[in-house]
Amino acid sequence: MGLRRIKSILEKIPIYIATSDDRMNPHVIAVACVKVIDNKTFLITDNYMKTTRKNIMSNGKIEILVYDKEWKGYRINGKAKYYDSGKWLKYVKGMKENKGHPAKGAILVTILKIKKLS
């Protein structure tokens, strides 16, 4: 299953992302500025992240949980890479959803597995 089926959920409803540090201490946040790039990758904007950014730069492991309004959900396991310069940062800075926000970085997530939860 690719991202095309869940694109509208990812781009319109806040999602929850989990990362961990090297000691496996979990950290979960909600984010709203997401853009699907293709069937295997999507971008998350870093507007106000601290611990999440540090965790991604340390090990790149990420898990995303998303549900639509009918409580149909998906768990996405992936590999994340953080960009604080270059084309991906420029891309998120240009997103209308980020207007008025700092858009400090871009997190490119490559999907490893998607599991339907409902």
C-alpha atoms as a PDB file:
ATOM      1  CA  MET A   1       0.000   0.000   0.000  1.00  0.00           C
ATOM      2  CA  GLY A   2       1.370   3.393  -0.946  1.00  0.00           C
ATOM      3  CA  LEU A   3       0.716   6.897   0.238  1.00  0.00           C
ATOM      4  CA  ARG A   4      -1.799   7.741  -2.483  1.00  0.00           C
ATOM      5  CA  ARG A   5      -4.619   6.101  -0.520  1.00  0.00           C
ATOM      6  CA  ILE A   6      -3.905   8.089   2.608  1.00  0.00           C
ATOM      7  CA  LYS A   7      -2.653  11.345   1.061  1.00  0.00           C
ATOM      8  CA  SER A   8      -5.778  13.312   2.005  1.00  0.00           C
ATOM      9  CA  ILE A   9      -5.465  12.202   5.630  1.00  0.00           C
ATOM     10  CA  LEU A  10      -1.769  13.061   5.870  1.00  0.00           C
ATOM     11  CA  GLU A  11      -2.189  16.486   4.294  1.00  0.00           C
ATOM     12  CA  LYS A  12      -5.419  17.575   5.986  1.00  0.00           C
ATOM     13  CA  ILE A  13      -5.522  16.110   9.491  1.00  0.00           C
ATOM     14  CA  PRO A  14      -2.814  16.463  12.174  1.00  0.00           C
ATOM     15  CA  ILE A  15      -0.648  13.377  12.460  1.00  0.00           C
ATOM     16  CA  TYR A  16       1.347  11.974  15.366  1.00  0.00           C
ATOM     17  CA  ILE A  17       5.013  11.182  14.939  1.00  0.00           C
ATOM     18  CA  ALA A  18       7.179   9.172  17.288  1.00  0.00           C
ATOM     19  CA  THR A  19      10.958   9.218  17.431  1.00  0.00           C
ATOM     20  CA  SER A  20      13.462   7.995  19.966  1.00  0.00           C
ATOM     21  CA  ASP A  21      16.929   8.888  21.089  1.00  0.00           C
ATOM     22  CA  ASP A  22      19.861   6.466  21.116  1.00  0.00           C
ATOM     23  CA  ARG A  23      18.763   5.161  24.535  1.00  0.00           C
ATOM     24  CA  MET A  24      15.318   4.310  23.069  1.00  0.00           C
ATOM     25  CA  ASN A  25      13.528   7.016  25.055  1.00  0.00           C
ATOM     26  CA  PRO A  26      10.327   7.675  23.056  1.00  0.00           C
ATOM     27  CA  HIS A  27       9.138  11.134  22.064  1.00  0.00           C
ATOM     28  CA  VAL A  28       5.740  11.821  20.415  1.00  0.00           C
ATOM     29  CA  ILE A  29       4.412  15.053  18.899  1.00  0.00           C
ATOM     30  CA  ALA A  30       1.528  16.147  16.674  1.00  0.00           C
ATOM     31  CA  VAL A  31       2.246  17.965  13.419  1.00  0.00           C
ATOM     32  CA  ALA A  32       0.005  19.530  10.808  1.00  0.00           C
ATOM     33  CA  CYS A  33       2.250  20.652   7.925  1.00  0.00           C
ATOM     34  CA  VAL A  34       2.737  17.528   5.790  1.00  0.00           C
ATOM     35  CA  LYS A  35       3.070  17.179   2.021  1.00  0.00           C
ATOM     36  CA  VAL A  36       3.127  13.900   0.083  1.00  0.00           C
ATOM     37  CA  ILE A  37       5.921  13.935  -2.510  1.00  0.00           C
ATOM     38  CA  ASP A  38       5.325  10.567  -4.194  1.00  0.00           C
ATOM     39  CA  ASN A  39       4.108   7.050  -3.376  1.00  0.00           C
ATOM     40  CA  LYS A  40       7.046   6.367  -1.044  1.00  0.00           C
ATOM     41  CA  THR A  41       7.997   9.733   0.482  1.00  0.00           C
ATOM     42  CA  PHE A  42       6.511  12.736   2.217  1.00  0.00           C
ATOM     43  CA  LEU A  43       7.723  15.895   3.936  1.00  0.00           C
ATOM     44  CA  ILE A  44       7.028  17.105   7.450  1.00  0.00           C
ATOM     45  CA  THR A  45       7.793  20.734   8.310  1.00  0.00           C
ATOM     46  CA  ASP A  46       9.824  21.516  11.411  1.00  0.00           C
ATOM     47  CA  ASN A  47       8.276  24.685  12.754  1.00  0.00           C
ATOM     48  CA  TYR A  48       8.854  24.238  16.488  1.00  0.00           C
ATOM     49  CA  MET A  49      10.682  20.922  16.987  1.00  0.00           C
ATOM     50  CA  LYS A  50      13.610  20.401  19.325  1.00  0.00           C
ATOM     51  CA  THR A  51      13.717  16.825  20.613  1.00  0.00           C
ATOM     52  CA  THR A  52      12.217  15.374  17.426  1.00  0.00           C
ATOM     53  CA  ARG A  53      14.868  17.116  15.304  1.00  0.00           C
ATOM     54  CA  LYS A  54      17.647  15.846  17.586  1.00  0.00           C
ATOM     55  CA  ASN A  55      16.294  12.275  17.489  1.00  0.00           C
ATOM     56  CA  ILE A  56      15.968  12.218  13.706  1.00  0.00           C
ATOM     57  CA  MET A  57      19.473  13.571  13.237  1.00  0.00           C
ATOM     58  CA  SER A  58      20.748  10.923  15.659  1.00  0.00           C
ATOM     59  CA  ASN A  59      19.135   7.774  14.241  1.00  0.00           C
ATOM     60  CA  GLY A  60      16.485   8.591  11.613  1.00  0.00           C
ATOM     61  CA  LYS A  61      13.881   6.167  12.925  1.00  0.00           C
ATOM     62  CA  ILE A  62      10.299   7.433  12.784  1.00  0.00           C
ATOM     63  CA  GLU A  63       6.796   6.090  13.206  1.00  0.00           C
ATOM     64  CA  ILE A  64       3.660   7.966  12.182  1.00  0.00           C
ATOM     65  CA  LEU A  65       0.115   7.385  13.366  1.00  0.00           C
ATOM     66  CA  VAL A  66      -2.808   8.909  11.498  1.00  0.00           C
ATOM     67  CA  TYR A  67      -6.591   8.520  11.687  1.00  0.00           C
ATOM     68  CA  ASP A  68      -9.348  10.021   9.565  1.00  0.00           C
ATOM     69  CA  LYS A  69     -12.652  11.346  10.935  1.00  0.00           C
ATOM     70  CA  GLU A  70     -14.227   7.873  10.736  1.00  0.00           C
ATOM     71  CA  TRP A  71     -11.377   6.440  12.849  1.00  0.00           C
ATOM     72  CA  LYS A  72      -9.795   4.542   9.969  1.00  0.00           C
ATOM     73  CA  GLY A  73      -6.123   4.606  10.718  1.00  0.00           C
ATOM     74  CA  TYR A  74      -2.649   3.772   9.537  1.00  0.00           C
ATOM     75  CA  ARG A  75       0.715   3.222  11.182  1.00  0.00           C
ATOM     76  CA  ILE A  76       3.661   4.188   9.006  1.00  0.00           C
ATOM     77  CA  ASN A  77       7.203   3.062   9.771  1.00  0.00           C
ATOM     78  CA  GLY A  78       9.928   4.930   8.003  1.00  0.00           C
ATOM     79  CA  LYS A  79      13.364   6.405   7.784  1.00  0.00           C
ATOM     80  CA  ALA A  80      13.615  10.168   8.237  1.00  0.00           C
ATOM     81  CA  LYS A  81      16.262  12.610   7.121  1.00  0.00           C
ATOM     82  CA  TYR A  82      16.432  16.194   8.376  1.00  0.00           C
ATOM     83  CA  TYR A  83      17.231  19.126   6.050  1.00  0.00           C
ATOM     84  CA  ASP A  84      18.032  22.618   7.321  1.00  0.00           C
ATOM     85  CA  SER A  85      19.103  23.854   3.875  1.00  0.00           C
ATOM     86  CA  GLY A  86      18.628  23.024   0.216  1.00  0.00           C
ATOM     87  CA  LYS A  87      15.634  22.187  -1.952  1.00  0.00           C
ATOM     88  CA  TRP A  88      13.519  20.481   0.740  1.00  0.00           C
ATOM     89  CA  LEU A  89      13.807  23.431   3.122  1.00  0.00           C
ATOM     90  CA  LYS A  90      12.936  25.774   0.270  1.00  0.00           C
ATOM     91  CA  TYR A  91       9.944  23.564  -0.548  1.00  0.00           C
ATOM     92  CA  VAL A  92       8.464  23.689   2.979  1.00  0.00           C
ATOM     93  CA  LYS A  93       9.121  27.419   3.275  1.00  0.00           C
ATOM     94  CA  GLY A  94       6.981  27.854   0.151  1.00  0.00           C
ATOM     95  CA  MET A  95       4.027  25.832   1.462  1.00  0.00           C
ATOM     96  CA  LYS A  96       0.967  27.997   2.168  1.00  0.00           C
ATOM     97  CA  GLU A  97       0.347  25.952   5.339  1.00  0.00           C
ATOM     98  CA  ASN A  98       3.598  27.321   6.769  1.00  0.00           C
ATOM     99  CA  LYS A  99       2.770  30.990   6.238  1.00  0.00           C
ATOM    100  CA  GLY A 100       3.444  32.826   9.480  1.00  0.00           C
ATOM    101  CA  HIS A 101       5.506  29.927  10.891  1.00  0.00           C
ATOM    102  CA  PRO A 102       9.316  29.703  11.006  1.00  0.00           C
ATOM    103  CA  ALA A 103       9.727  26.554   8.789  1.00  0.00           C
ATOM    104  CA  LYS A 104      13.163  25.876  10.320  1.00  0.00           C
ATOM    105  CA  GLY A 105      13.653  22.518   8.618  1.00  0.00           C
ATOM    106  CA  ALA A 106      12.201  19.769   6.468  1.00  0.00           C
ATOM    107  CA  ILE A 107      11.945  16.103   7.387  1.00  0.00           C
ATOM    108  CA  LEU A 108      11.864  13.779   4.399  1.00  0.00           C
ATOM    109  CA  VAL A 109      10.280  10.454   5.362  1.00  0.00           C
ATOM    110  CA  THR A 110      10.867   7.368   3.253  1.00  0.00           C
ATOM    111  CA  ILE A 111       8.226   4.711   3.899  1.00  0.00           C
ATOM    112  CA  LEU A 112       9.372   1.260   4.959  1.00  0.00           C
ATOM    113  CA  LYS A 113       5.973  -0.168   5.939  1.00  0.00           C
ATOM    114  CA  ILE A 114       2.324   0.923   6.157  1.00  0.00           C
ATOM    115  CA  LYS A 115      -0.139  -0.996   8.315  1.00  0.00           C
ATOM    116  CA  LYS A 116      -3.885  -0.422   8.154  1.00  0.00           C
ATOM    117  CA  LEU A 117      -5.293  -0.205  11.697  1.00  0.00           C
ATOM    118  CA  SER A 118      -9.025  -0.393  11.124  1.00  0.00           C
END
